[in-house]
Amino acid sequence: MPRPAAGRPSARDKLLTAALSVIRAKGYSATSVDDLCAAAGVTKGAFFHHFRSKDALAVAAADHWSELTGGLFASATYHSHADPLDRVLGYVDFRRALIAGELCNFTCLVGTMVQEAYDAHPDIADACGRSIFGHARTLEGDIAEAMDASGLTGIDWTAASLARHTQAVLQGAFILAKAGGGPDVAVEQVDHLKRYITLLFEARPWEPHPS
């Protein structure tokens, strides 16, 4: 997962960084302001100087997550493929490669928060939605190019709907991992996603990810 830029972080930056790890490990409701301050190494006074509440920090953390992960994906090597379908499948491979280690290291901050906040905390839910749907939109261009290159016509799905489906599978894979399946079951779902996309385009046989 991406890490903040090097340098001397402010108390605000420390709290945002702490939120990324603590909330993914404990969940939003179970994470207290004291937990965040302890992980960040700052006082509660510093917390409330920068954030009026835990909810306000969560909204800022969702935006921070989008910024960090946006940079990670923008710099990934799958963008260098000339074939747009290879870029789409390369994205799936890249997501697969990120699934390793402890659950809190590869699961999604905004996916974790929105499951708890979707009704009780609308501001947090909106911030999580901006992050998830915004990330999905980054895939639409490559999917649309792949559709054109493959001559797909008369279909009942769009580049936008397939982009959203990738996120549905990934978030579901994280839920299964948390439910006891661990990284292996999440990888299994990503492999099925790659098979599905390949079959949609009928461009080439599915090739298993090299071990």
N, C-alpha and C. Protein backbone atom coordinates (compact mmCIF):
# COMPACT_ATOMS: atom_id res chain seq x y z
N MET A 1 0.83 -1.18 0.00
CA MET A 1 0.00 0.00 0.00
C MET A 1 0.87 1.24 0.00
N PRO A 2 0.37 2.34 -0.55
CA PRO A 2 1.18 3.54 -0.65
C PRO A 2 1.52 4.13 0.70
N ARG A 3 2.62 4.84 0.74
CA ARG A 3 3.04 5.50 1.96
C ARG A 3 3.13 7.00 1.71
N PRO A 4 2.92 7.80 2.77
CA PRO A 4 3.01 9.25 2.60
C PRO A 4 4.40 9.65 2.16
N ALA A 5 4.49 10.84 1.57
CA ALA A 5 5.77 11.35 1.11
C ALA A 5 6.72 11.54 2.29
N ALA A 6 8.02 11.40 2.00
CA ALA A 6 9.02 11.57 3.04
C ALA A 6 9.06 13.02 3.47
N GLY A 7 9.59 13.25 4.66
CA GLY A 7 9.67 14.60 5.18
C GLY A 7 9.21 14.61 6.63
N ARG A 8 9.21 15.79 7.21
CA ARG A 8 8.79 15.91 8.61
C ARG A 8 7.29 16.13 8.65
N PRO A 9 6.52 15.12 9.06
CA PRO A 9 5.05 15.25 9.00
C PRO A 9 4.52 16.12 10.12
N SER A 10 3.44 16.81 9.83
CA SER A 10 2.74 17.57 10.85
C SER A 10 1.88 16.63 11.69
N ALA A 11 1.33 17.15 12.78
CA ALA A 11 0.42 16.34 13.60
C ALA A 11 -0.77 15.88 12.77
N ARG A 12 -1.25 16.74 11.88
CA ARG A 12 -2.38 16.37 11.02
C ARG A 12 -2.00 15.21 10.11
N ASP A 13 -0.82 15.30 9.51
CA ASP A 13 -0.36 14.22 8.63
C ASP A 13 -0.20 12.92 9.41
N LYS A 14 0.33 13.00 10.61
CA LYS A 14 0.51 11.80 11.44
C LYS A 14 -0.84 11.15 11.75
N LEU A 15 -1.83 11.97 12.03
CA LEU A 15 -3.16 11.43 12.34
C LEU A 15 -3.79 10.77 11.12
N LEU A 16 -3.62 11.38 9.95
CA LEU A 16 -4.17 10.78 8.74
C LEU A 16 -3.48 9.46 8.43
N THR A 17 -2.17 9.42 8.59
CA THR A 17 -1.43 8.17 8.38
C THR A 17 -1.87 7.10 9.37
N ALA A 18 -2.05 7.50 10.62
CA ALA A 18 -2.52 6.55 11.63
C ALA A 18 -3.89 6.01 11.29
N ALA A 19 -4.76 6.88 10.79
CA ALA A 19 -6.12 6.45 10.45
C ALA A 19 -6.11 5.36 9.39
N LEU A 20 -5.19 5.46 8.43
CA LEU A 20 -5.15 4.45 7.35
C LEU A 20 -4.91 3.05 7.91
N SER A 21 -4.04 2.95 8.90
CA SER A 21 -3.71 1.63 9.44
C SER A 21 -4.66 1.19 10.55
N VAL A 22 -4.97 2.10 11.47
CA VAL A 22 -5.78 1.70 12.63
C VAL A 22 -7.21 1.35 12.22
N ILE A 23 -7.81 2.15 11.37
CA ILE A 23 -9.20 1.87 10.97
C ILE A 23 -9.28 0.59 10.16
N ARG A 24 -8.30 0.33 9.30
CA ARG A 24 -8.32 -0.93 8.54
C ARG A 24 -8.13 -2.13 9.46
N ALA A 25 -7.42 -1.94 10.57
CA ALA A 25 -7.19 -3.05 11.50
C ALA A 25 -8.36 -3.27 12.44
N LYS A 26 -9.00 -2.20 12.91
CA LYS A 26 -10.01 -2.33 13.96
C LYS A 26 -11.43 -2.05 13.49
N GLY A 27 -11.57 -1.40 12.32
CA GLY A 27 -12.89 -0.93 11.92
C GLY A 27 -13.10 0.48 12.43
N TYR A 28 -14.05 1.20 11.81
CA TYR A 28 -14.24 2.59 12.17
C TYR A 28 -14.86 2.75 13.56
N SER A 29 -15.93 2.02 13.83
CA SER A 29 -16.63 2.19 15.10
C SER A 29 -15.74 1.83 16.29
N ALA A 30 -14.92 0.81 16.13
CA ALA A 30 -14.07 0.35 17.24
C ALA A 30 -12.84 1.21 17.44
N THR A 31 -12.55 2.09 16.49
CA THR A 31 -11.39 2.97 16.60
C THR A 31 -11.77 4.22 17.38
N SER A 32 -11.03 4.52 18.42
CA SER A 32 -11.30 5.70 19.23
C SER A 32 -10.32 6.82 18.91
N VAL A 33 -10.65 8.01 19.34
CA VAL A 33 -9.72 9.13 19.19
C VAL A 33 -8.42 8.82 19.93
N ASP A 34 -8.53 8.18 21.09
CA ASP A 34 -7.33 7.80 21.84
C ASP A 34 -6.45 6.84 21.02
N ASP A 35 -7.09 5.88 20.34
CA ASP A 35 -6.33 4.94 19.50
C ASP A 35 -5.56 5.70 18.42
N LEU A 36 -6.23 6.64 17.78
CA LEU A 36 -5.60 7.39 16.69
C LEU A 36 -4.46 8.25 17.21
N CYS A 37 -4.68 8.89 18.35
CA CYS A 37 -3.62 9.73 18.93
C CYS A 37 -2.41 8.89 19.34
N ALA A 38 -2.68 7.71 19.93
CA ALA A 38 -1.58 6.85 20.34
C ALA A 38 -0.78 6.38 19.14
N ALA A 39 -1.47 5.97 18.08
CA ALA A 39 -0.77 5.49 16.88
C ALA A 39 0.00 6.61 16.20
N ALA A 40 -0.54 7.82 16.26
CA ALA A 40 0.11 8.97 15.62
C ALA A 40 1.19 9.59 16.49
N GLY A 41 1.15 9.29 17.79
CA GLY A 41 2.11 9.90 18.70
C GLY A 41 1.84 11.38 18.93
N VAL A 42 0.55 11.74 19.00
CA VAL A 42 0.18 13.14 19.23
C VAL A 42 -0.82 13.20 20.38
N THR A 43 -1.05 14.39 20.91
CA THR A 43 -1.99 14.57 22.01
C THR A 43 -3.41 14.74 21.49
N LYS A 44 -4.37 14.56 22.39
CA LYS A 44 -5.77 14.81 22.01
C LYS A 44 -5.99 16.29 21.68
N GLY A 45 -5.23 17.13 22.33
CA GLY A 45 -5.31 18.55 22.00
C GLY A 45 -4.93 18.80 20.55
N ALA A 46 -3.88 18.10 20.09
CA ALA A 46 -3.47 18.23 18.69
C ALA A 46 -4.55 17.67 17.77
N PHE A 47 -5.16 16.58 18.18
CA PHE A 47 -6.24 16.01 17.36
C PHE A 47 -7.34 17.04 17.14
N PHE A 48 -7.83 17.61 18.23
CA PHE A 48 -8.98 18.51 18.11
C PHE A 48 -8.59 19.89 17.57
N HIS A 49 -7.30 20.16 17.53
CA HIS A 49 -6.85 21.37 16.84
C HIS A 49 -7.06 21.22 15.33
N HIS A 50 -6.87 20.01 14.83
CA HIS A 50 -6.95 19.78 13.38
C HIS A 50 -8.31 19.23 12.94
N PHE A 51 -9.00 18.50 13.80
CA PHE A 51 -10.27 17.85 13.42
C PHE A 51 -11.29 18.08 14.52
N ARG A 52 -12.48 18.49 14.14
CA ARG A 52 -13.50 18.78 15.15
C ARG A 52 -14.08 17.51 15.76
N SER A 53 -13.90 16.36 15.07
CA SER A 53 -14.47 15.10 15.54
C SER A 53 -13.79 13.94 14.83
N LYS A 54 -14.07 12.74 15.32
CA LYS A 54 -13.56 11.55 14.63
C LYS A 54 -14.16 11.44 13.24
N ASP A 55 -15.42 11.82 13.08
CA ASP A 55 -16.05 11.78 11.76
C ASP A 55 -15.33 12.71 10.78
N ALA A 56 -14.94 13.89 11.26
CA ALA A 56 -14.24 14.84 10.39
C ALA A 56 -12.90 14.26 9.94
N LEU A 57 -12.22 13.58 10.85
CA LEU A 57 -10.96 12.94 10.47
C LEU A 57 -11.22 11.84 9.44
N ALA A 58 -12.30 11.09 9.61
CA ALA A 58 -12.60 10.00 8.67
C ALA A 58 -12.82 10.53 7.27
N VAL A 59 -13.53 11.64 7.13
CA VAL A 59 -13.74 12.24 5.82
C VAL A 59 -12.40 12.65 5.21
N ALA A 60 -11.56 13.30 6.01
CA ALA A 60 -10.24 13.71 5.53
C ALA A 60 -9.39 12.49 5.19
N ALA A 61 -9.51 11.42 5.98
CA ALA A 61 -8.74 10.21 5.72
C ALA A 61 -9.15 9.55 4.41
N ALA A 62 -10.45 9.58 4.10
CA ALA A 62 -10.92 9.02 2.83
C ALA A 62 -10.32 9.79 1.66
N ASP A 63 -10.29 11.12 1.76
CA ASP A 63 -9.70 11.93 0.70
C ASP A 63 -8.19 11.69 0.61
N HIS A 64 -7.55 11.55 1.76
CA HIS A 64 -6.11 11.27 1.80
C HIS A 64 -5.82 9.92 1.16
N TRP A 65 -6.65 8.94 1.45
CA TRP A 65 -6.52 7.61 0.85
C TRP A 65 -6.63 7.69 -0.67
N SER A 66 -7.58 8.46 -1.15
CA SER A 66 -7.75 8.62 -2.60
C SER A 66 -6.51 9.23 -3.23
N GLU A 67 -5.93 10.21 -2.57
CA GLU A 67 -4.74 10.87 -3.09
C GLU A 67 -3.55 9.90 -3.14
N LEU A 68 -3.33 9.17 -2.06
CA LEU A 68 -2.20 8.26 -2.00
C LEU A 68 -2.35 7.10 -2.99
N THR A 69 -3.52 6.47 -2.98
CA THR A 69 -3.71 5.34 -3.87
C THR A 69 -3.77 5.80 -5.33
N GLY A 70 -4.29 7.00 -5.56
CA GLY A 70 -4.30 7.53 -6.92
C GLY A 70 -2.91 7.63 -7.49
N GLY A 71 -1.97 8.09 -6.67
CA GLY A 71 -0.59 8.16 -7.12
C GLY A 71 0.00 6.79 -7.37
N LEU A 72 -0.32 5.84 -6.50
CA LEU A 72 0.18 4.48 -6.66
C LEU A 72 -0.27 3.88 -7.99
N PHE A 73 -1.55 3.99 -8.30
CA PHE A 73 -2.07 3.40 -9.52
C PHE A 73 -1.64 4.18 -10.77
N ALA A 74 -1.52 5.48 -10.65
CA ALA A 74 -1.10 6.27 -11.80
C ALA A 74 0.32 5.93 -12.24
N SER A 75 1.16 5.52 -11.30
CA SER A 75 2.55 5.22 -11.63
C SER A 75 2.80 3.75 -11.94
N ALA A 76 1.75 2.92 -11.89
CA ALA A 76 1.92 1.47 -12.10
C ALA A 76 2.30 1.17 -13.55
N THR A 77 3.04 0.10 -13.75
CA THR A 77 3.60 -0.21 -15.07
C THR A 77 2.57 -0.73 -16.07
N TYR A 78 1.38 -1.14 -15.61
CA TYR A 78 0.41 -1.68 -16.57
C TYR A 78 -0.05 -0.62 -17.56
N HIS A 79 0.14 0.65 -17.24
CA HIS A 79 -0.24 1.71 -18.17
C HIS A 79 0.63 1.72 -19.44
N SER A 80 1.77 1.06 -19.39
CA SER A 80 2.69 1.10 -20.53
C SER A 80 2.29 0.14 -21.65
N HIS A 81 1.33 -0.75 -21.42
CA HIS A 81 0.92 -1.69 -22.46
C HIS A 81 0.26 -0.95 -23.62
N ALA A 82 0.63 -1.32 -24.84
CA ALA A 82 0.03 -0.69 -26.01
C ALA A 82 -1.42 -1.13 -26.20
N ASP A 83 -1.70 -2.38 -25.94
CA ASP A 83 -3.05 -2.92 -26.12
C ASP A 83 -3.93 -2.52 -24.94
N PRO A 84 -5.08 -1.89 -25.17
CA PRO A 84 -5.90 -1.45 -24.05
C PRO A 84 -6.43 -2.59 -23.18
N LEU A 85 -6.71 -3.75 -23.78
CA LEU A 85 -7.16 -4.87 -22.97
C LEU A 85 -6.04 -5.36 -22.07
N ASP A 86 -4.80 -5.32 -22.58
CA ASP A 86 -3.67 -5.67 -21.73
C ASP A 86 -3.55 -4.71 -20.55
N ARG A 87 -3.90 -3.45 -20.77
CA ARG A 87 -3.87 -2.50 -19.65
C ARG A 87 -4.94 -2.84 -18.62
N VAL A 88 -6.12 -3.21 -19.10
CA VAL A 88 -7.20 -3.57 -18.17
C VAL A 88 -6.82 -4.82 -17.37
N LEU A 89 -6.33 -5.84 -18.07
CA LEU A 89 -5.94 -7.07 -17.38
C LEU A 89 -4.70 -6.83 -16.52
N GLY A 90 -3.83 -5.93 -16.96
CA GLY A 90 -2.67 -5.58 -16.15
C GLY A 90 -3.08 -4.91 -14.85
N TYR A 91 -4.14 -4.11 -14.90
CA TYR A 91 -4.68 -3.52 -13.67
C TYR A 91 -5.12 -4.62 -12.71
N VAL A 92 -5.82 -5.62 -13.23
CA VAL A 92 -6.28 -6.72 -12.38
C VAL A 92 -5.09 -7.46 -11.78
N ASP A 93 -4.06 -7.71 -12.59
CA ASP A 93 -2.85 -8.36 -12.08
C ASP A 93 -2.19 -7.52 -10.99
N PHE A 94 -2.19 -6.21 -11.18
CA PHE A 94 -1.59 -5.32 -10.19
C PHE A 94 -2.36 -5.39 -8.88
N ARG A 95 -3.69 -5.41 -8.95
CA ARG A 95 -4.49 -5.55 -7.75
C ARG A 95 -4.21 -6.88 -7.06
N ARG A 96 -4.02 -7.92 -7.85
CA ARG A 96 -3.71 -9.24 -7.30
C ARG A 96 -2.40 -9.21 -6.53
N ALA A 97 -1.41 -8.54 -7.11
CA ALA A 97 -0.09 -8.50 -6.49
C ALA A 97 -0.10 -7.75 -5.15
N LEU A 98 -1.07 -6.86 -4.96
CA LEU A 98 -1.14 -6.09 -3.72
C LEU A 98 -1.73 -6.90 -2.57
N ILE A 99 -2.33 -8.05 -2.87
CA ILE A 99 -2.98 -8.85 -1.83
C ILE A 99 -1.94 -9.76 -1.20
N ALA A 100 -1.39 -9.32 -0.10
CA ALA A 100 -0.36 -10.09 0.59
C ALA A 100 -0.23 -9.59 2.01
N GLY A 101 0.20 -10.46 2.90
CA GLY A 101 0.45 -10.07 4.27
C GLY A 101 -0.81 -9.98 5.11
N GLU A 102 -0.74 -9.14 6.14
CA GLU A 102 -1.86 -8.98 7.06
C GLU A 102 -3.06 -8.32 6.37
N LEU A 103 -4.25 -8.67 6.83
CA LEU A 103 -5.47 -8.11 6.23
C LEU A 103 -5.45 -6.59 6.20
N CYS A 104 -4.99 -5.99 7.29
CA CYS A 104 -5.04 -4.53 7.38
C CYS A 104 -4.06 -3.88 6.42
N ASN A 105 -3.15 -4.65 5.84
CA ASN A 105 -2.18 -4.09 4.90
C ASN A 105 -2.67 -4.09 3.46
N PHE A 106 -3.67 -4.90 3.13
CA PHE A 106 -4.11 -4.94 1.73
C PHE A 106 -5.60 -4.63 1.55
N THR A 107 -6.36 -4.57 2.62
CA THR A 107 -7.77 -4.23 2.47
C THR A 107 -7.92 -2.71 2.31
N CYS A 108 -9.13 -2.30 1.98
CA CYS A 108 -9.38 -0.92 1.55
C CYS A 108 -9.95 -0.08 2.69
N LEU A 109 -9.34 1.05 2.96
CA LEU A 109 -9.83 1.94 4.01
C LEU A 109 -11.26 2.37 3.76
N VAL A 110 -11.55 2.87 2.55
CA VAL A 110 -12.88 3.41 2.30
C VAL A 110 -13.92 2.30 2.22
N GLY A 111 -13.54 1.13 1.73
CA GLY A 111 -14.46 0.00 1.74
C GLY A 111 -14.78 -0.44 3.15
N THR A 112 -13.79 -0.38 4.03
CA THR A 112 -14.00 -0.72 5.44
C THR A 112 -14.94 0.27 6.11
N MET A 113 -14.70 1.55 5.89
CA MET A 113 -15.50 2.57 6.57
C MET A 113 -16.93 2.61 6.07
N VAL A 114 -17.14 2.49 4.74
CA VAL A 114 -18.48 2.69 4.22
C VAL A 114 -19.44 1.59 4.67
N GLN A 115 -18.93 0.41 4.97
CA GLN A 115 -19.81 -0.66 5.44
C GLN A 115 -20.44 -0.31 6.79
N GLU A 116 -19.74 0.48 7.59
CA GLU A 116 -20.28 0.90 8.87
C GLU A 116 -20.99 2.25 8.79
N ALA A 117 -20.56 3.10 7.85
CA ALA A 117 -20.99 4.50 7.87
C ALA A 117 -22.10 4.82 6.88
N TYR A 118 -22.51 3.87 6.04
CA TYR A 118 -23.38 4.20 4.90
C TYR A 118 -24.68 4.86 5.32
N ASP A 119 -25.17 4.57 6.52
CA ASP A 119 -26.44 5.15 6.97
C ASP A 119 -26.25 6.11 8.13
N ALA A 120 -25.40 5.72 9.08
CA ALA A 120 -25.25 6.51 10.30
C ALA A 120 -24.38 7.75 10.11
N HIS A 121 -23.47 7.71 9.14
CA HIS A 121 -22.52 8.81 8.95
C HIS A 121 -22.50 9.20 7.47
N PRO A 122 -23.49 9.95 7.01
CA PRO A 122 -23.59 10.24 5.58
C PRO A 122 -22.38 10.98 5.00
N ASP A 123 -21.74 11.84 5.79
CA ASP A 123 -20.57 12.56 5.28
C ASP A 123 -19.43 11.59 4.98
N ILE A 124 -19.24 10.62 5.86
CA ILE A 124 -18.20 9.61 5.63
C ILE A 124 -18.57 8.74 4.43
N ALA A 125 -19.83 8.35 4.37
CA ALA A 125 -20.28 7.52 3.24
C ALA A 125 -20.07 8.25 1.91
N ASP A 126 -20.35 9.54 1.88
CA ASP A 126 -20.15 10.31 0.65
C ASP A 126 -18.68 10.36 0.27
N ALA A 127 -17.81 10.55 1.26
CA ALA A 127 -16.37 10.60 0.99
C ALA A 127 -15.87 9.25 0.48
N CYS A 128 -16.37 8.17 1.07
CA CYS A 128 -15.98 6.83 0.61
C CYS A 128 -16.49 6.58 -0.80
N GLY A 129 -17.71 7.03 -1.08
CA GLY A 129 -18.26 6.87 -2.42
C GLY A 129 -17.45 7.63 -3.45
N ARG A 130 -17.03 8.85 -3.12
CA ARG A 130 -16.18 9.61 -4.05
C ARG A 130 -14.91 8.85 -4.36
N SER A 131 -14.35 8.21 -3.35
CA SER A 131 -13.10 7.48 -3.54
C SER A 131 -13.31 6.24 -4.40
N ILE A 132 -14.29 5.42 -4.08
CA ILE A 132 -14.50 4.16 -4.80
C ILE A 132 -14.96 4.41 -6.23
N PHE A 133 -15.96 5.25 -6.41
CA PHE A 133 -16.45 5.52 -7.76
C PHE A 133 -15.43 6.33 -8.56
N GLY A 134 -14.70 7.20 -7.88
CA GLY A 134 -13.65 7.95 -8.58
C GLY A 134 -12.56 7.04 -9.10
N HIS A 135 -12.18 6.06 -8.30
CA HIS A 135 -11.17 5.11 -8.76
C HIS A 135 -11.71 4.29 -9.93
N ALA A 136 -12.96 3.87 -9.85
CA ALA A 136 -13.55 3.10 -10.96
C ALA A 136 -13.49 3.90 -12.26
N ARG A 137 -13.73 5.19 -12.17
CA ARG A 137 -13.72 6.01 -13.39
C ARG A 137 -12.35 6.04 -14.06
N THR A 138 -11.28 5.83 -13.30
CA THR A 138 -9.95 5.83 -13.92
C THR A 138 -9.76 4.65 -14.87
N LEU A 139 -10.62 3.64 -14.77
CA LEU A 139 -10.50 2.46 -15.63
C LEU A 139 -11.33 2.58 -16.90
N GLU A 140 -12.25 3.51 -16.94
CA GLU A 140 -13.22 3.56 -18.03
C GLU A 140 -12.58 3.78 -19.40
N GLY A 141 -11.55 4.64 -19.45
CA GLY A 141 -10.92 4.93 -20.74
C GLY A 141 -10.31 3.70 -21.38
N ASP A 142 -9.55 2.93 -20.59
CA ASP A 142 -8.93 1.73 -21.13
C ASP A 142 -9.99 0.69 -21.52
N ILE A 143 -11.03 0.56 -20.72
CA ILE A 143 -12.08 -0.39 -21.05
C ILE A 143 -12.78 0.01 -22.34
N ALA A 144 -13.07 1.30 -22.48
CA ALA A 144 -13.74 1.78 -23.70
C ALA A 144 -12.86 1.54 -24.93
N GLU A 145 -11.56 1.79 -24.81
CA GLU A 145 -10.65 1.53 -25.93
C GLU A 145 -10.61 0.05 -26.27
N ALA A 146 -10.61 -0.79 -25.22
CA ALA A 146 -10.60 -2.24 -25.46
C ALA A 146 -11.88 -2.68 -26.15
N MET A 147 -12.99 -2.08 -25.79
CA MET A 147 -14.26 -2.40 -26.44
C MET A 147 -14.22 -2.03 -27.93
N ASP A 148 -13.68 -0.87 -28.23
CA ASP A 148 -13.56 -0.45 -29.63
C ASP A 148 -12.63 -1.37 -30.40
N ALA A 149 -11.49 -1.69 -29.79
CA ALA A 149 -10.50 -2.53 -30.47
C ALA A 149 -11.03 -3.93 -30.72
N SER A 150 -11.91 -4.40 -29.84
CA SER A 150 -12.46 -5.75 -29.99
C SER A 150 -13.72 -5.77 -30.84
N GLY A 151 -14.18 -4.59 -31.27
CA GLY A 151 -15.37 -4.53 -32.12
C GLY A 151 -16.64 -4.94 -31.42
N LEU A 152 -16.72 -4.66 -30.13
CA LEU A 152 -17.91 -5.04 -29.38
C LEU A 152 -19.06 -4.09 -29.70
N THR A 153 -20.12 -4.61 -30.20
CA THR A 153 -21.31 -3.81 -30.52
C THR A 153 -22.55 -4.56 -30.05
N GLY A 154 -23.62 -3.83 -29.84
CA GLY A 154 -24.89 -4.44 -29.46
C GLY A 154 -24.85 -5.14 -28.12
N ILE A 155 -24.03 -4.65 -27.20
CA ILE A 155 -23.91 -5.27 -25.88
C ILE A 155 -24.74 -4.48 -24.87
N ASP A 156 -25.05 -5.13 -23.76
CA ASP A 156 -25.91 -4.48 -22.77
C ASP A 156 -25.12 -4.02 -21.55
N TRP A 157 -23.83 -3.77 -21.74
CA TRP A 157 -23.03 -3.23 -20.65
C TRP A 157 -22.12 -2.14 -21.19
N THR A 158 -21.62 -1.30 -20.30
CA THR A 158 -20.81 -0.16 -20.70
C THR A 158 -19.44 -0.22 -20.02
N ALA A 159 -18.55 0.62 -20.49
CA ALA A 159 -17.23 0.72 -19.85
C ALA A 159 -17.39 1.11 -18.38
N ALA A 160 -18.32 2.03 -18.11
CA ALA A 160 -18.53 2.47 -16.74
C ALA A 160 -19.05 1.34 -15.85
N SER A 161 -19.97 0.54 -16.38
CA SER A 161 -20.54 -0.53 -15.56
C SER A 161 -19.50 -1.61 -15.28
N LEU A 162 -18.63 -1.93 -16.26
CA LEU A 162 -17.60 -2.92 -16.02
C LEU A 162 -16.56 -2.38 -15.04
N ALA A 163 -16.24 -1.10 -15.15
CA ALA A 163 -15.30 -0.50 -14.20
C ALA A 163 -15.84 -0.62 -12.78
N ARG A 164 -17.13 -0.34 -12.60
CA ARG A 164 -17.73 -0.48 -11.27
C ARG A 164 -17.73 -1.93 -10.81
N HIS A 165 -17.94 -2.86 -11.74
CA HIS A 165 -17.95 -4.27 -11.37
C HIS A 165 -16.59 -4.71 -10.83
N THR A 166 -15.52 -4.18 -11.40
CA THR A 166 -14.20 -4.55 -10.87
C THR A 166 -14.10 -4.18 -9.39
N GLN A 167 -14.65 -3.03 -9.03
CA GLN A 167 -14.58 -2.61 -7.64
C GLN A 167 -15.49 -3.44 -6.75
N ALA A 168 -16.63 -3.86 -7.29
CA ALA A 168 -17.53 -4.73 -6.52
C ALA A 168 -16.83 -6.05 -6.20
N VAL A 169 -16.14 -6.61 -7.18
CA VAL A 169 -15.43 -7.87 -6.95
C VAL A 169 -14.31 -7.68 -5.93
N LEU A 170 -13.54 -6.62 -6.08
CA LEU A 170 -12.42 -6.39 -5.17
C LEU A 170 -12.89 -6.17 -3.74
N GLN A 171 -13.92 -5.33 -3.57
CA GLN A 171 -14.42 -5.10 -2.22
C GLN A 171 -15.02 -6.37 -1.63
N GLY A 172 -15.71 -7.14 -2.47
CA GLY A 172 -16.22 -8.42 -2.00
C GLY A 172 -15.12 -9.38 -1.62
N ALA A 173 -14.03 -9.36 -2.38
CA ALA A 173 -12.88 -10.22 -2.06
C ALA A 173 -12.31 -9.86 -0.70
N PHE A 174 -12.26 -8.56 -0.39
CA PHE A 174 -11.75 -8.15 0.91
C PHE A 174 -12.67 -8.62 2.04
N ILE A 175 -13.98 -8.57 1.80
CA ILE A 175 -14.92 -9.04 2.81
C ILE A 175 -14.72 -10.53 3.07
N LEU A 176 -14.56 -11.32 2.01
CA LEU A 176 -14.33 -12.75 2.18
C LEU A 176 -13.03 -13.01 2.93
N ALA A 177 -12.01 -12.22 2.65
CA ALA A 177 -10.74 -12.37 3.36
C ALA A 177 -10.95 -12.11 4.85
N LYS A 178 -11.71 -11.07 5.17
CA LYS A 178 -11.97 -10.74 6.57
C LYS A 178 -12.85 -11.78 7.25
N ALA A 179 -13.70 -12.44 6.46
CA ALA A 179 -14.60 -13.44 7.02
C ALA A 179 -13.89 -14.75 7.35
N GLY A 180 -12.61 -14.82 7.09
CA GLY A 180 -11.86 -16.00 7.47
C GLY A 180 -11.09 -16.65 6.35
N GLY A 181 -11.29 -16.17 5.13
CA GLY A 181 -10.59 -16.79 4.01
C GLY A 181 -9.16 -16.34 3.84
N GLY A 182 -8.84 -15.18 4.39
CA GLY A 182 -7.48 -14.67 4.27
C GLY A 182 -7.12 -14.26 2.86
N PRO A 183 -5.84 -13.97 2.62
CA PRO A 183 -5.42 -13.50 1.30
C PRO A 183 -5.74 -14.47 0.17
N ASP A 184 -5.67 -15.77 0.43
CA ASP A 184 -5.85 -16.74 -0.65
C ASP A 184 -7.23 -16.63 -1.29
N VAL A 185 -8.27 -16.47 -0.48
CA VAL A 185 -9.61 -16.39 -1.05
C VAL A 185 -9.79 -15.08 -1.80
N ALA A 186 -9.12 -14.02 -1.38
CA ALA A 186 -9.19 -12.76 -2.11
C ALA A 186 -8.52 -12.90 -3.47
N VAL A 187 -7.37 -13.54 -3.50
CA VAL A 187 -6.67 -13.79 -4.77
C VAL A 187 -7.53 -14.63 -5.70
N GLU A 188 -8.21 -15.62 -5.15
CA GLU A 188 -9.10 -16.48 -5.94
C GLU A 188 -10.16 -15.66 -6.65
N GLN A 189 -10.73 -14.69 -5.96
CA GLN A 189 -11.77 -13.86 -6.58
C GLN A 189 -11.21 -12.96 -7.68
N VAL A 190 -10.01 -12.45 -7.46
CA VAL A 190 -9.37 -11.61 -8.48
C VAL A 190 -9.06 -12.44 -9.72
N ASP A 191 -8.65 -13.68 -9.53
CA ASP A 191 -8.42 -14.55 -10.69
C ASP A 191 -9.71 -14.79 -11.47
N HIS A 192 -10.81 -14.95 -10.75
CA HIS A 192 -12.11 -15.10 -11.44
C HIS A 192 -12.47 -13.82 -12.18
N LEU A 193 -12.15 -12.68 -11.61
CA LEU A 193 -12.41 -11.41 -12.30
C LEU A 193 -11.64 -11.35 -13.61
N LYS A 194 -10.40 -11.79 -13.60
CA LYS A 194 -9.60 -11.78 -14.83
C LYS A 194 -10.20 -12.72 -15.87
N ARG A 195 -10.64 -13.89 -15.43
CA ARG A 195 -11.29 -14.81 -16.36
C ARG A 195 -12.54 -14.17 -16.97
N TYR A 196 -13.32 -13.53 -16.12
CA TYR A 196 -14.58 -12.93 -16.57
C TYR A 196 -14.33 -11.84 -17.61
N ILE A 197 -13.38 -10.96 -17.33
CA ILE A 197 -13.09 -9.89 -18.29
C ILE A 197 -12.59 -10.46 -19.60
N THR A 198 -11.73 -11.45 -19.53
CA THR A 198 -11.22 -12.08 -20.75
C THR A 198 -12.35 -12.68 -21.56
N LEU A 199 -13.28 -13.36 -20.90
CA LEU A 199 -14.41 -13.96 -21.61
C LEU A 199 -15.32 -12.89 -22.21
N LEU A 200 -15.48 -11.77 -21.53
CA LEU A 200 -16.31 -10.69 -22.07
C LEU A 200 -15.77 -10.21 -23.42
N PHE A 201 -14.48 -10.10 -23.51
CA PHE A 201 -13.88 -9.57 -24.73
C PHE A 201 -13.58 -10.67 -25.75
N GLU A 202 -13.59 -11.92 -25.28
CA GLU A 202 -13.32 -13.07 -26.16
C GLU A 202 -12.08 -12.81 -27.03
N ALA A 203 -11.07 -12.26 -26.38
CA ALA A 203 -9.89 -11.85 -27.14
C ALA A 203 -8.77 -12.88 -27.08
N ARG A 204 -8.70 -13.61 -25.99
CA ARG A 204 -7.59 -14.54 -25.81
C ARG A 204 -7.95 -15.50 -24.69
N PRO A 205 -7.34 -16.67 -24.65
CA PRO A 205 -7.59 -17.57 -23.53
C PRO A 205 -7.02 -16.97 -22.25
N TRP A 206 -7.66 -17.29 -21.13
CA TRP A 206 -7.16 -16.80 -19.87
C TRP A 206 -5.86 -17.50 -19.53
N GLU A 207 -4.88 -16.70 -19.09
CA GLU A 207 -3.61 -17.26 -18.69
C GLU A 207 -3.45 -17.06 -17.19
N PRO A 208 -3.16 -18.14 -16.46
CA PRO A 208 -3.02 -17.98 -15.01
C PRO A 208 -1.86 -17.06 -14.67
N HIS A 209 -2.00 -16.36 -13.55
CA HIS A 209 -0.94 -15.48 -13.10
C HIS A 209 0.29 -16.31 -12.78
N PRO A 210 1.48 -15.89 -13.21
CA PRO A 210 2.68 -16.67 -12.90
C PRO A 210 2.91 -16.74 -11.40
N SER A 211 3.27 -17.90 -10.93
CA SER A 211 3.48 -18.08 -9.50
C SER A 211 4.92 -17.75 -9.12
